[in-house]
Amino acid sequence: MPPHSRGGYDRAMDETTRYDLIVIGSGPAGEKGAAQAALLGKRVALIEKGKHLGGAAANTGTLPSKTLRETALFLSGYQQRELYGLDACLRDKATVQDFLRRERRVAETERQRIAGSMGSHGIELVRGAASFVDAHTIKVSGDSERTLRGDIVLIATGSRPWHPPGFPVGQPDIYDSDTILNLERIPQRLIVTGGGVIGCEYACLFATLGVKVTVIEARDELLAFLDKDLSRALKERMVALGIIFRMPDEIEHVERDDEGEEVGWRCALRYGGSIVADTILIAAGRSGNTEGLNLAAAGLEAAKRGLLTVNECFQTAVSSIYAAGDVVGFPSLASASMEQARLAMCYAFESNFTGHLAPILPYGIYTIPEASSAGETEQSAKEKGIDAVCGRASFAANARGQIIGEQFGFIKLVFRREDMRLIGVHIIGESASELVHIGLTAMLAEQGAELFLRTCYNYPTLSEAYKYATYDALKRRNS
């Protein structure tokens, strides 16, 4: 357990202002960290400055973007076209309200769930903007001003979109992943600057609705952290959706062009030429929300892009202050944020729990088609000197895949050759983000080929692909 210096903190102070834990931010990390401490019997206050509970995950990021994806699939008839060969596209009839209605309902339901969770755990909600007075004292500014004091502080303020210098942010039809929810119309031409996960997800979403989408990415490989087979397949499917890639390239200058043949925002590119679109989406990364916290008063300093540095216990350089979620950077996943905060609070309050964050995390990419990955890629295994053997199974050759019209998806398994223990799973296609957990669980249990061969899977299901990918790997191992 980490040491916990209280710094001469006076426990005899007014009980109405003293807490065992003060949490700043109500996103996934803040909510779960607060709940964990409450379950340990601690008195908890949670500060939220936003209008709504839930942070970016509930209001502008994770849930909204995934809900919009499902709405786009429905309105476009994308899956029905694959299955029946019909053009069921509703894009020309769809309004922005059609597009956003479901997203708003899902977001509101999640906010209500978070409020209910806080109430059931006895967590006090304090509205306003937090700033440190010292390591144990926080001033809350809002409709009224309060000062809170606590033994432990958890910073879970999340992140916000980063804007490249020179972009006319705030001008009509220029959005980032937060403000895209203020869309007033479905655009005809969209430029997405940044080919990371967020950029690719929104590019697919709008392309499925019939929008002409161009993705501009500075790197020469799409989502380079993925297994190369997965990355190539995803790019091929995105191109099939009509998405145009300009990579490697960057936007040098943006200006409004209302005089030329093409009216709209003209983006001049570093390697020559320009592109005009009526709408631009900035998806160039994110920055930690630490501005305004007055970190210096607590003895802290933010790193590049406002991120906080923590140790394996998610403890900052100040022993009584912890941080979790997007504000600490990689992996910036809502799922990981929850676990980080839970673990941080177990360490902070020295509970009997001695676990660690899972050594293997799943990545879900909600493009169209979706992709998901966990563990080693074929390339990373080679770089680490692991003698690996891979096996693949196509969803087109799978009975359930044929039923649902899944023509292009596949599962790729990476095994350690010597004992055929699974070390990586990579999936693209229908339900990839669900299916990946089978492989993830096998890896955490240090299992592999034998487990998949012994398992009886429901028929017909996409899960069966694990067995046939294993057969393929064994065949390659023995050839």
Protein backbone atom coordinates (compact mmCIF):
# COMPACT_ATOMS: atom_id res chain seq x y z
CA MET A 1 0.00 0.00 0.00
CA PRO A 2 1.23 3.52 -0.77
CA PRO A 3 2.12 5.89 2.05
CA HIS A 4 -0.48 8.51 2.93
CA SER A 5 0.83 11.72 4.40
CA ARG A 6 -2.01 13.89 5.73
CA GLY A 7 0.28 16.91 5.82
CA GLY A 8 -0.85 18.02 9.28
CA TYR A 9 -4.50 17.92 8.22
CA ASP A 10 -6.80 18.89 11.10
CA ARG A 11 -9.42 16.18 11.60
CA ALA A 12 -11.16 18.28 14.26
CA MET A 13 -12.48 20.76 11.71
CA ASP A 14 -16.17 21.37 11.13
CA GLU A 15 -17.76 18.02 10.25
CA THR A 16 -20.17 19.67 7.83
CA THR A 17 -17.29 20.46 5.49
CA ARG A 18 -15.02 17.46 6.08
CA TYR A 19 -15.07 14.37 3.88
CA ASP A 20 -13.04 11.21 3.64
CA LEU A 21 -13.03 11.68 -0.15
CA ILE A 22 -13.66 14.56 -2.51
CA VAL A 23 -14.12 13.59 -6.16
CA ILE A 24 -13.85 16.15 -8.93
CA GLY A 25 -15.84 15.05 -11.98
CA SER A 26 -18.83 12.73 -12.47
CA GLY A 27 -17.71 10.79 -15.54
CA PRO A 28 -16.99 7.03 -15.45
CA ALA A 29 -13.90 7.42 -13.23
CA GLY A 30 -15.50 9.93 -10.85
CA GLU A 31 -18.74 8.00 -10.44
CA LYS A 32 -17.10 4.60 -9.86
CA GLY A 33 -14.37 6.00 -7.62
CA ALA A 34 -16.96 7.75 -5.45
CA ALA A 35 -19.11 4.61 -5.30
CA GLN A 36 -16.15 2.43 -4.32
CA ALA A 37 -15.22 4.73 -1.44
CA ALA A 38 -18.84 4.87 -0.30
CA LEU A 39 -18.97 1.06 -0.29
CA LEU A 40 -15.94 1.16 2.00
CA GLY A 41 -17.98 3.26 4.41
CA LYS A 42 -16.40 6.61 3.57
CA ARG A 43 -18.08 10.00 3.51
CA VAL A 44 -17.89 11.22 -0.08
CA ALA A 45 -18.60 14.47 -1.88
CA LEU A 46 -18.57 14.68 -5.67
CA ILE A 47 -18.13 18.03 -7.43
CA GLU A 48 -19.52 18.53 -10.92
CA LYS A 49 -19.39 21.83 -12.79
CA GLY A 50 -21.24 20.70 -15.91
CA LYS A 51 -24.96 21.03 -16.49
CA HIS A 52 -25.32 17.26 -16.64
CA LEU A 53 -23.82 14.33 -14.76
CA GLY A 54 -21.75 11.74 -16.60
CA GLY A 55 -18.95 13.72 -18.19
CA ALA A 56 -17.97 13.22 -21.83
CA ALA A 57 -18.87 9.52 -21.73
CA ALA A 58 -22.56 10.20 -21.19
CA ASN A 59 -22.96 13.59 -22.84
CA THR A 60 -20.57 14.17 -25.73
CA GLY A 61 -18.42 11.11 -26.32
CA THR A 62 -18.79 7.40 -25.70
CA LEU A 63 -22.54 6.85 -25.47
CA PRO A 64 -23.65 9.64 -27.84
CA SER A 65 -21.29 8.60 -30.64
CA LYS A 66 -22.22 4.92 -30.33
CA THR A 67 -25.92 5.76 -30.26
CA LEU A 68 -25.53 7.94 -33.34
CA ARG A 69 -23.77 5.03 -35.03
CA GLU A 70 -26.76 2.75 -34.43
CA THR A 71 -29.10 5.49 -35.62
CA ALA A 72 -27.06 5.90 -38.81
CA LEU A 73 -27.19 2.16 -39.46
CA PHE A 74 -30.96 2.19 -39.02
CA LEU A 75 -31.65 5.31 -41.08
CA SER A 76 -29.34 4.23 -43.87
CA GLY A 77 -30.60 0.68 -44.11
CA TYR A 78 -26.93 -0.34 -44.23
CA GLN A 79 -27.38 -3.83 -42.84
CA GLN A 80 -30.56 -4.41 -44.83
CA ARG A 81 -28.73 -3.51 -48.06
CA GLU A 82 -26.09 -6.12 -47.24
CA LEU A 83 -28.73 -8.75 -46.53
CA TYR A 84 -31.37 -8.18 -49.17
CA GLY A 85 -29.59 -6.22 -51.87
CA LEU A 86 -32.04 -3.34 -51.48
CA ASP A 87 -31.35 0.36 -51.17
CA ALA A 88 -33.25 1.22 -48.01
CA CYS A 89 -31.36 4.46 -47.47
CA LEU A 90 -33.43 7.07 -45.67
CA ARG A 91 -30.76 9.74 -45.69
CA ASP A 92 -32.66 12.11 -47.96
CA LYS A 93 -35.73 11.91 -45.72
CA ALA A 94 -33.93 12.03 -42.38
CA THR A 95 -33.78 15.23 -40.40
CA VAL A 96 -31.22 16.15 -37.77
CA GLN A 97 -33.90 15.60 -35.15
CA ASP A 98 -34.38 12.04 -36.44
CA PHE A 99 -30.64 11.60 -36.19
CA LEU A 100 -30.26 12.94 -32.64
CA ARG A 101 -33.52 11.90 -30.97
CA ARG A 102 -32.32 8.49 -29.78
CA GLU A 103 -28.96 9.88 -28.66
CA ARG A 104 -30.65 12.42 -26.41
CA ARG A 105 -32.88 9.79 -24.87
CA VAL A 106 -29.94 7.47 -24.13
CA ALA A 107 -27.91 10.33 -22.63
CA GLU A 108 -30.75 11.38 -20.34
CA THR A 109 -31.30 7.80 -19.18
CA GLU A 110 -27.61 7.48 -18.30
CA ARG A 111 -27.66 10.77 -16.37
CA GLN A 112 -30.61 9.53 -14.36
CA ARG A 113 -28.83 6.26 -13.67
CA ILE A 114 -25.75 8.11 -12.36
CA ALA A 115 -27.89 10.35 -10.15
CA GLY A 116 -29.66 7.29 -8.79
CA SER A 117 -26.36 5.54 -8.11
CA MET A 118 -25.02 8.54 -6.21
CA GLY A 119 -28.19 8.74 -4.13
CA SER A 120 -28.18 5.05 -3.29
CA HIS A 121 -24.54 5.26 -2.17
CA GLY A 122 -25.10 8.36 -0.04
CA ILE A 123 -22.70 10.49 -2.10
CA GLU A 124 -23.20 14.25 -1.74
CA LEU A 125 -23.37 16.09 -5.07
CA VAL A 126 -21.88 19.58 -5.05
CA ARG A 127 -22.51 21.74 -8.11
CA GLY A 128 -19.84 24.17 -9.27
CA ALA A 129 -16.25 24.54 -10.48
CA ALA A 130 -13.53 23.12 -8.23
CA SER A 131 -10.14 24.66 -7.54
CA PHE A 132 -7.50 23.71 -4.98
CA VAL A 133 -6.73 25.94 -2.02
CA ASP A 134 -4.25 23.38 -0.75
CA ALA A 135 -3.83 19.60 -1.05
CA HIS A 136 -6.82 18.94 1.24
CA THR A 137 -8.98 22.02 0.64
CA ILE A 138 -11.11 22.71 -2.42
CA LYS A 139 -13.11 25.83 -3.20
CA VAL A 140 -16.29 25.30 -5.21
CA SER A 141 -17.53 28.27 -7.21
CA GLY A 142 -21.05 28.26 -8.56
CA ASP A 143 -24.36 29.86 -7.67
CA SER A 144 -22.90 29.96 -4.20
CA GLU A 145 -19.36 29.40 -2.97
CA ARG A 146 -18.35 26.55 -0.68
CA THR A 147 -15.11 25.23 0.75
CA LEU A 148 -14.69 21.47 1.15
CA ARG A 149 -11.92 19.62 2.97
CA GLY A 150 -11.02 15.99 2.59
CA ASP A 151 -8.50 13.32 3.50
CA ILE A 152 -8.25 12.11 -0.10
CA VAL A 153 -8.99 13.85 -3.40
CA LEU A 154 -9.68 12.04 -6.67
CA ILE A 155 -9.27 14.12 -9.83
CA ALA A 156 -11.50 12.62 -12.52
CA THR A 157 -12.09 15.64 -14.71
CA GLY A 158 -11.73 13.84 -18.04
CA SER A 159 -10.63 15.44 -21.28
CA ARG A 160 -11.81 17.69 -24.08
CA PRO A 161 -11.07 17.91 -27.83
CA TRP A 162 -7.73 19.47 -28.73
CA HIS A 163 -7.83 22.10 -31.47
CA PRO A 164 -4.84 22.50 -33.79
CA PRO A 165 -3.52 26.07 -33.98
CA GLY A 166 -5.01 28.25 -36.68
CA PHE A 167 -8.36 26.49 -36.99
CA PRO A 168 -11.37 28.87 -37.03
CA VAL A 169 -13.00 27.08 -34.12
CA GLY A 170 -16.40 28.47 -33.26
CA GLN A 171 -17.26 29.40 -36.84
CA PRO A 172 -20.41 27.94 -38.43
CA ASP A 173 -20.10 24.33 -39.61
CA ILE A 174 -16.78 23.69 -37.85
CA TYR A 175 -17.21 21.13 -35.11
CA ASP A 176 -15.26 18.89 -32.79
CA SER A 177 -16.41 15.62 -31.20
CA ASP A 178 -18.19 17.58 -28.43
CA THR A 179 -19.97 20.17 -30.53
CA ILE A 180 -20.94 17.82 -33.37
CA LEU A 181 -24.05 17.09 -31.30
CA ASN A 182 -25.13 20.67 -32.07
CA LEU A 183 -25.32 19.81 -35.75
CA GLU A 184 -28.10 21.75 -37.45
CA ARG A 185 -28.24 19.73 -40.66
CA ILE A 186 -26.80 16.58 -42.13
CA PRO A 187 -23.96 17.85 -44.36
CA GLN A 188 -23.37 16.92 -47.97
CA ARG A 189 -19.56 17.11 -47.76
CA LEU A 190 -17.56 16.53 -44.61
CA ILE A 191 -13.83 16.84 -43.95
CA VAL A 192 -12.56 14.93 -40.93
CA THR A 193 -9.15 16.14 -39.81
CA GLY A 194 -7.56 13.29 -37.89
CA GLY A 195 -7.77 9.58 -38.64
CA GLY A 196 -7.70 8.31 -35.07
CA VAL A 197 -10.46 6.29 -33.46
CA ILE A 198 -12.88 9.22 -33.06
CA GLY A 199 -12.23 10.49 -36.58
CA CYS A 200 -12.76 7.06 -38.13
CA GLU A 201 -15.93 6.42 -36.14
CA TYR A 202 -17.56 9.68 -37.22
CA ALA A 203 -16.32 9.30 -40.80
CA CYS A 204 -18.09 5.94 -41.05
CA LEU A 205 -21.21 7.23 -39.36
CA PHE A 206 -21.67 10.09 -41.83
CA ALA A 207 -20.56 8.12 -44.88
CA THR A 208 -23.24 5.55 -44.09
CA LEU A 209 -25.80 8.35 -44.32
CA GLY A 210 -24.59 9.20 -47.80
CA VAL A 211 -22.33 12.12 -46.86
CA LYS A 212 -19.21 12.59 -49.00
CA VAL A 213 -16.43 12.21 -46.41
CA THR A 214 -12.71 12.94 -46.71
CA VAL A 215 -10.35 11.92 -43.90
CA ILE A 216 -7.05 13.81 -43.63
CA GLU A 217 -4.47 12.00 -41.50
CA ALA A 218 -0.84 12.93 -40.87
CA ARG A 219 0.32 9.32 -40.47
CA ASP A 220 0.73 6.92 -43.36
CA GLU A 221 -1.05 4.06 -41.61
CA LEU A 222 -4.59 3.98 -40.32
CA LEU A 223 -4.89 3.18 -36.60
CA ALA A 224 -1.35 1.84 -36.44
CA PHE A 225 -1.88 0.28 -33.00
CA LEU A 226 -4.12 -2.34 -34.59
CA ASP A 227 -2.93 -5.58 -36.11
CA LYS A 228 -2.02 -4.76 -39.72
CA ASP A 229 -4.56 -7.22 -41.13
CA LEU A 230 -7.29 -5.49 -39.13
CA SER A 231 -6.10 -2.01 -40.07
CA ARG A 232 -5.97 -2.86 -43.78
CA ALA A 233 -9.39 -4.52 -43.72
CA LEU A 234 -10.95 -1.55 -41.92
CA LYS A 235 -9.52 0.91 -44.41
CA GLU A 236 -10.81 -1.20 -47.31
CA ARG A 237 -14.31 -1.23 -45.85
CA MET A 238 -14.21 2.51 -45.19
CA VAL A 239 -13.17 3.12 -48.78
CA ALA A 240 -16.07 0.88 -49.85
CA LEU A 241 -18.36 3.23 -47.90
CA GLY A 242 -17.12 6.03 -50.14
CA ILE A 243 -14.65 7.59 -47.70
CA ILE A 244 -11.66 9.30 -49.33
CA PHE A 245 -8.33 9.23 -47.50
CA ARG A 246 -5.62 11.84 -47.81
CA MET A 247 -2.71 10.34 -45.88
CA PRO A 248 -0.10 11.16 -44.99
CA ASP A 249 -1.19 14.79 -45.21
CA GLU A 250 -2.20 17.70 -43.00
CA ILE A 251 -4.30 20.82 -43.23
CA GLU A 252 -2.08 23.90 -43.47
CA HIS A 253 -4.74 26.58 -43.73
CA VAL A 254 -8.52 26.90 -43.54
CA GLU A 255 -10.57 29.71 -45.02
CA ARG A 256 -14.10 30.35 -46.14
CA ASP A 257 -14.58 30.30 -49.92
CA ASP A 258 -17.90 31.77 -51.03
CA GLU A 259 -16.72 32.89 -54.49
CA GLY A 260 -15.36 29.78 -56.18
CA GLU A 261 -17.16 27.01 -58.02
CA GLU A 262 -17.31 25.06 -54.78
CA VAL A 263 -18.69 27.07 -51.87
CA GLY A 264 -17.64 26.13 -48.38
CA TRP A 265 -14.58 25.76 -46.16
CA ARG A 266 -11.42 25.39 -48.24
CA CYS A 267 -8.61 23.41 -46.62
CA ALA A 268 -5.16 23.86 -48.13
CA LEU A 269 -3.04 20.72 -47.67
CA ARG A 270 0.64 20.46 -46.80
CA TYR A 271 1.51 18.24 -49.74
CA GLY A 272 -0.40 20.23 -52.32
CA GLY A 273 -3.92 20.96 -53.41
CA SER A 274 -6.99 21.81 -51.40
CA ILE A 275 -10.35 20.34 -50.51
CA VAL A 276 -13.67 22.13 -50.04
CA ALA A 277 -16.47 20.94 -47.78
CA ASP A 278 -19.48 22.55 -46.17
CA THR A 279 -18.61 21.01 -42.78
CA ILE A 280 -15.37 20.20 -40.93
CA LEU A 281 -14.97 17.86 -37.96
CA ILE A 282 -11.80 18.33 -35.90
CA ALA A 283 -10.70 14.98 -34.45
CA ALA A 284 -7.06 15.70 -33.66
CA GLY A 285 -6.79 14.25 -30.15
CA ARG A 286 -7.76 15.39 -26.68
CA SER A 287 -6.39 17.39 -23.73
CA GLY A 288 -6.82 16.77 -20.01
CA ASN A 289 -9.30 19.02 -18.17
CA THR A 290 -6.94 20.47 -15.57
CA GLU A 291 -7.13 24.17 -16.37
CA GLY A 292 -8.82 26.08 -13.59
CA LEU A 293 -8.05 23.50 -10.90
CA ASN A 294 -5.20 25.64 -9.51
CA LEU A 295 -3.01 22.57 -9.30
CA ALA A 296 -0.03 24.60 -8.10
CA ALA A 297 -1.81 25.31 -4.82
CA ALA A 298 -1.93 21.57 -4.20
CA GLY A 299 1.68 21.05 -5.21
CA LEU A 300 0.91 19.54 -8.61
CA GLU A 301 1.80 20.40 -12.18
CA ALA A 302 0.15 19.13 -15.34
CA ALA A 303 2.22 17.52 -18.09
CA LYS A 304 1.78 17.91 -21.86
CA ARG A 305 -1.79 18.63 -22.95
CA GLY A 306 -2.96 19.02 -19.38
CA LEU A 307 -2.45 15.39 -18.34
CA LEU A 308 -1.57 14.24 -14.83
CA THR A 309 1.19 11.76 -14.04
CA VAL A 310 0.33 8.91 -11.65
CA ASN A 311 2.00 5.77 -10.30
CA GLU A 312 0.69 2.19 -10.47
CA CYS A 313 -1.75 3.05 -7.66
CA PHE A 314 -3.04 6.10 -9.61
CA GLN A 315 -1.50 8.33 -6.98
CA THR A 316 -0.06 11.68 -8.06
CA ALA A 317 3.13 13.29 -6.76
CA VAL A 318 1.04 14.49 -3.80
CA SER A 319 0.27 11.39 -1.74
CA SER A 320 -3.30 12.35 -0.80
CA ILE A 321 -4.32 13.20 -4.37
CA TYR A 322 -5.23 10.52 -6.90
CA ALA A 323 -6.25 10.80 -10.55
CA ALA A 324 -7.98 8.40 -12.94
CA GLY A 325 -9.60 8.32 -16.36
CA ASP A 326 -8.85 10.43 -19.41
CA VAL A 327 -7.07 13.06 -17.30
CA VAL A 328 -4.15 10.62 -16.89
CA GLY A 329 -4.00 9.83 -20.62
CA PHE A 330 -3.54 6.40 -22.19
CA PRO A 331 -5.55 4.26 -22.63
CA SER A 332 -8.39 6.82 -22.37
CA LEU A 333 -11.13 4.20 -22.33
CA ALA A 334 -14.32 4.56 -20.32
CA SER A 335 -14.02 0.91 -19.27
CA ALA A 336 -10.45 1.35 -18.04
CA SER A 337 -11.32 4.64 -16.33
CA MET A 338 -13.86 2.90 -14.11
CA GLU A 339 -11.39 0.24 -13.04
CA GLN A 340 -8.61 2.76 -12.47
CA ALA A 341 -10.77 4.77 -10.10
CA ARG A 342 -12.01 1.72 -8.20
CA LEU A 343 -8.47 0.51 -7.70
CA ALA A 344 -7.25 3.98 -6.72
CA MET A 345 -9.79 4.19 -3.94
CA CYS A 346 -8.97 0.71 -2.67
CA TYR A 347 -5.34 1.76 -2.42
CA ALA A 348 -6.18 5.16 -0.95
CA PHE A 349 -8.29 3.72 1.85
CA GLU A 350 -6.14 0.64 2.32
CA SER A 351 -8.92 -1.87 1.81
CA ASN A 352 -8.15 -5.58 1.83
CA PHE A 353 -8.41 -5.66 -1.94
CA THR A 354 -4.95 -6.23 -3.40
CA GLY A 355 -5.75 -6.46 -7.10
CA HIS A 356 -4.28 -4.58 -10.02
CA LEU A 357 -5.70 -3.22 -13.23
CA ALA A 358 -6.12 -6.08 -15.69
CA PRO A 359 -2.87 -6.52 -17.66
CA ILE A 360 -4.77 -6.87 -20.94
CA LEU A 361 -7.41 -4.33 -21.96
CA PRO A 362 -9.90 -4.64 -24.84
CA TYR A 363 -10.20 -1.91 -27.45
CA GLY A 364 -13.54 -1.38 -29.15
CA ILE A 365 -13.62 0.74 -32.30
CA TYR A 366 -17.17 1.55 -33.33
CA THR A 367 -16.57 2.13 -36.99
CA ILE A 368 -18.71 0.53 -39.70
CA PRO A 369 -17.90 -2.32 -39.53
CA GLU A 370 -16.79 -2.29 -35.90
CA ALA A 371 -13.41 -3.64 -34.88
CA SER A 372 -12.03 -4.84 -31.58
CA SER A 373 -8.68 -6.01 -30.32
CA ALA A 374 -6.93 -7.29 -27.19
CA GLY A 375 -3.41 -8.49 -26.51
CA GLU A 376 -0.49 -8.84 -28.89
CA THR A 377 -0.73 -8.16 -32.59
CA GLU A 378 1.18 -10.35 -35.02
CA GLN A 379 3.63 -7.48 -35.43
CA SER A 380 4.12 -6.73 -31.72
CA ALA A 381 4.74 -10.42 -30.99
CA LYS A 382 7.47 -10.47 -33.62
CA GLU A 383 9.03 -7.28 -32.25
CA LYS A 384 9.14 -8.84 -28.78
CA GLY A 385 10.79 -11.98 -30.09
CA ILE A 386 7.75 -14.19 -29.45
CA ASP A 387 7.49 -17.13 -31.81
CA ALA A 388 3.82 -16.80 -32.73
CA VAL A 389 1.42 -18.57 -35.04
CA CYS A 390 -1.83 -17.00 -36.26
CA GLY A 391 -5.15 -18.42 -37.34
CA ARG A 392 -8.09 -16.79 -39.10
CA ALA A 393 -11.74 -17.58 -39.62
CA SER A 394 -14.02 -15.68 -41.96
CA PHE A 395 -17.55 -14.73 -40.97
CA ALA A 396 -18.60 -15.34 -44.58
CA ALA A 397 -17.83 -19.04 -44.02
CA ASN A 398 -19.75 -19.02 -40.74
CA ALA A 399 -23.42 -20.07 -40.70
CA ARG A 400 -24.53 -17.10 -38.57
CA GLY A 401 -22.43 -14.82 -40.75
CA GLN A 402 -24.27 -16.06 -43.82
CA ILE A 403 -27.64 -15.57 -42.15
CA ILE A 404 -26.96 -11.93 -41.23
CA GLY A 405 -25.13 -11.10 -44.46
CA GLU A 406 -21.72 -10.57 -42.82
CA GLN A 407 -19.50 -10.89 -45.89
CA PHE A 408 -16.24 -9.27 -44.89
CA GLY A 409 -15.65 -9.81 -41.18
CA PHE A 410 -13.13 -12.17 -39.65
CA ILE A 411 -11.45 -13.18 -36.43
CA LYS A 412 -7.68 -13.48 -36.12
CA LEU A 413 -6.07 -15.27 -33.19
CA VAL A 414 -2.41 -14.99 -32.23
CA PHE A 415 -0.97 -17.97 -30.32
CA ARG A 416 2.42 -18.57 -28.74
CA ARG A 417 3.73 -21.43 -30.87
CA GLU A 418 5.42 -23.48 -28.14
CA ASP A 419 2.27 -24.14 -26.10
CA MET A 420 -0.50 -22.61 -28.27
CA ARG A 421 -1.48 -20.22 -25.49
CA LEU A 422 -3.56 -17.31 -26.82
CA ILE A 423 -1.75 -13.97 -26.69
CA GLY A 424 -3.87 -11.83 -29.03
CA VAL A 425 -7.34 -11.59 -30.54
CA HIS A 426 -8.37 -9.25 -33.37
CA ILE A 427 -11.87 -9.05 -34.85
CA ILE A 428 -13.59 -6.95 -37.50
CA GLY A 429 -17.25 -7.25 -38.35
CA GLU A 430 -20.61 -7.65 -36.65
CA SER A 431 -20.46 -7.74 -32.84
CA ALA A 432 -16.66 -7.52 -32.77
CA SER A 433 -16.67 -5.52 -29.53
CA GLU A 434 -18.73 -8.28 -27.86
CA LEU A 435 -16.91 -11.26 -29.33
CA VAL A 436 -13.49 -9.99 -28.27
CA HIS A 437 -14.27 -10.75 -24.63
CA ILE A 438 -14.15 -14.50 -25.25
CA GLY A 439 -10.53 -14.22 -26.29
CA LEU A 440 -9.79 -11.64 -23.60
CA THR A 441 -11.06 -13.96 -20.86
CA ALA A 442 -9.04 -16.86 -22.27
CA MET A 443 -5.88 -14.74 -22.20
CA LEU A 444 -6.45 -13.59 -18.63
CA ALA A 445 -6.96 -17.25 -17.68
CA GLU A 446 -3.75 -18.16 -19.57
CA GLN A 447 -5.65 -20.52 -21.85
CA GLY A 448 -5.46 -21.13 -25.57
CA ALA A 449 -6.08 -23.63 -28.35
CA GLU A 450 -7.17 -26.53 -26.14
CA LEU A 451 -9.87 -24.41 -24.50
CA PHE A 452 -11.38 -23.35 -27.82
CA LEU A 453 -11.31 -26.91 -29.20
CA ARG A 454 -13.02 -28.32 -26.07
CA THR A 455 -15.69 -25.62 -25.96
CA CYS A 456 -19.09 -26.36 -27.49
CA TYR A 457 -20.44 -23.13 -28.99
CA ASN A 458 -24.07 -22.49 -29.85
CA TYR A 459 -24.87 -23.09 -33.52
CA PRO A 460 -25.23 -20.95 -35.51
CA THR A 461 -23.18 -18.21 -33.84
CA LEU A 462 -20.27 -15.99 -34.75
CA SER A 463 -18.54 -17.30 -31.61
CA GLU A 464 -17.86 -20.54 -33.45
CA ALA A 465 -15.23 -18.65 -35.40
CA TYR A 466 -12.91 -19.03 -32.40
CA LYS A 467 -12.85 -22.78 -32.93
CA TYR A 468 -12.17 -22.55 -36.66
CA ALA A 469 -9.52 -19.86 -36.26
CA THR A 470 -7.84 -22.22 -33.80
CA TYR A 471 -7.98 -25.08 -36.32
CA ASP A 472 -6.40 -22.77 -38.88
CA ALA A 473 -3.60 -21.85 -36.48
CA LEU A 474 -2.88 -25.51 -35.67
CA LYS A 475 -2.77 -26.31 -39.36
CA ARG A 476 -0.26 -23.51 -39.92
CA ARG A 477 1.78 -24.62 -36.91
CA ASN A 478 2.05 -28.16 -38.22
CA SER A 479 2.69 -27.32 -41.85
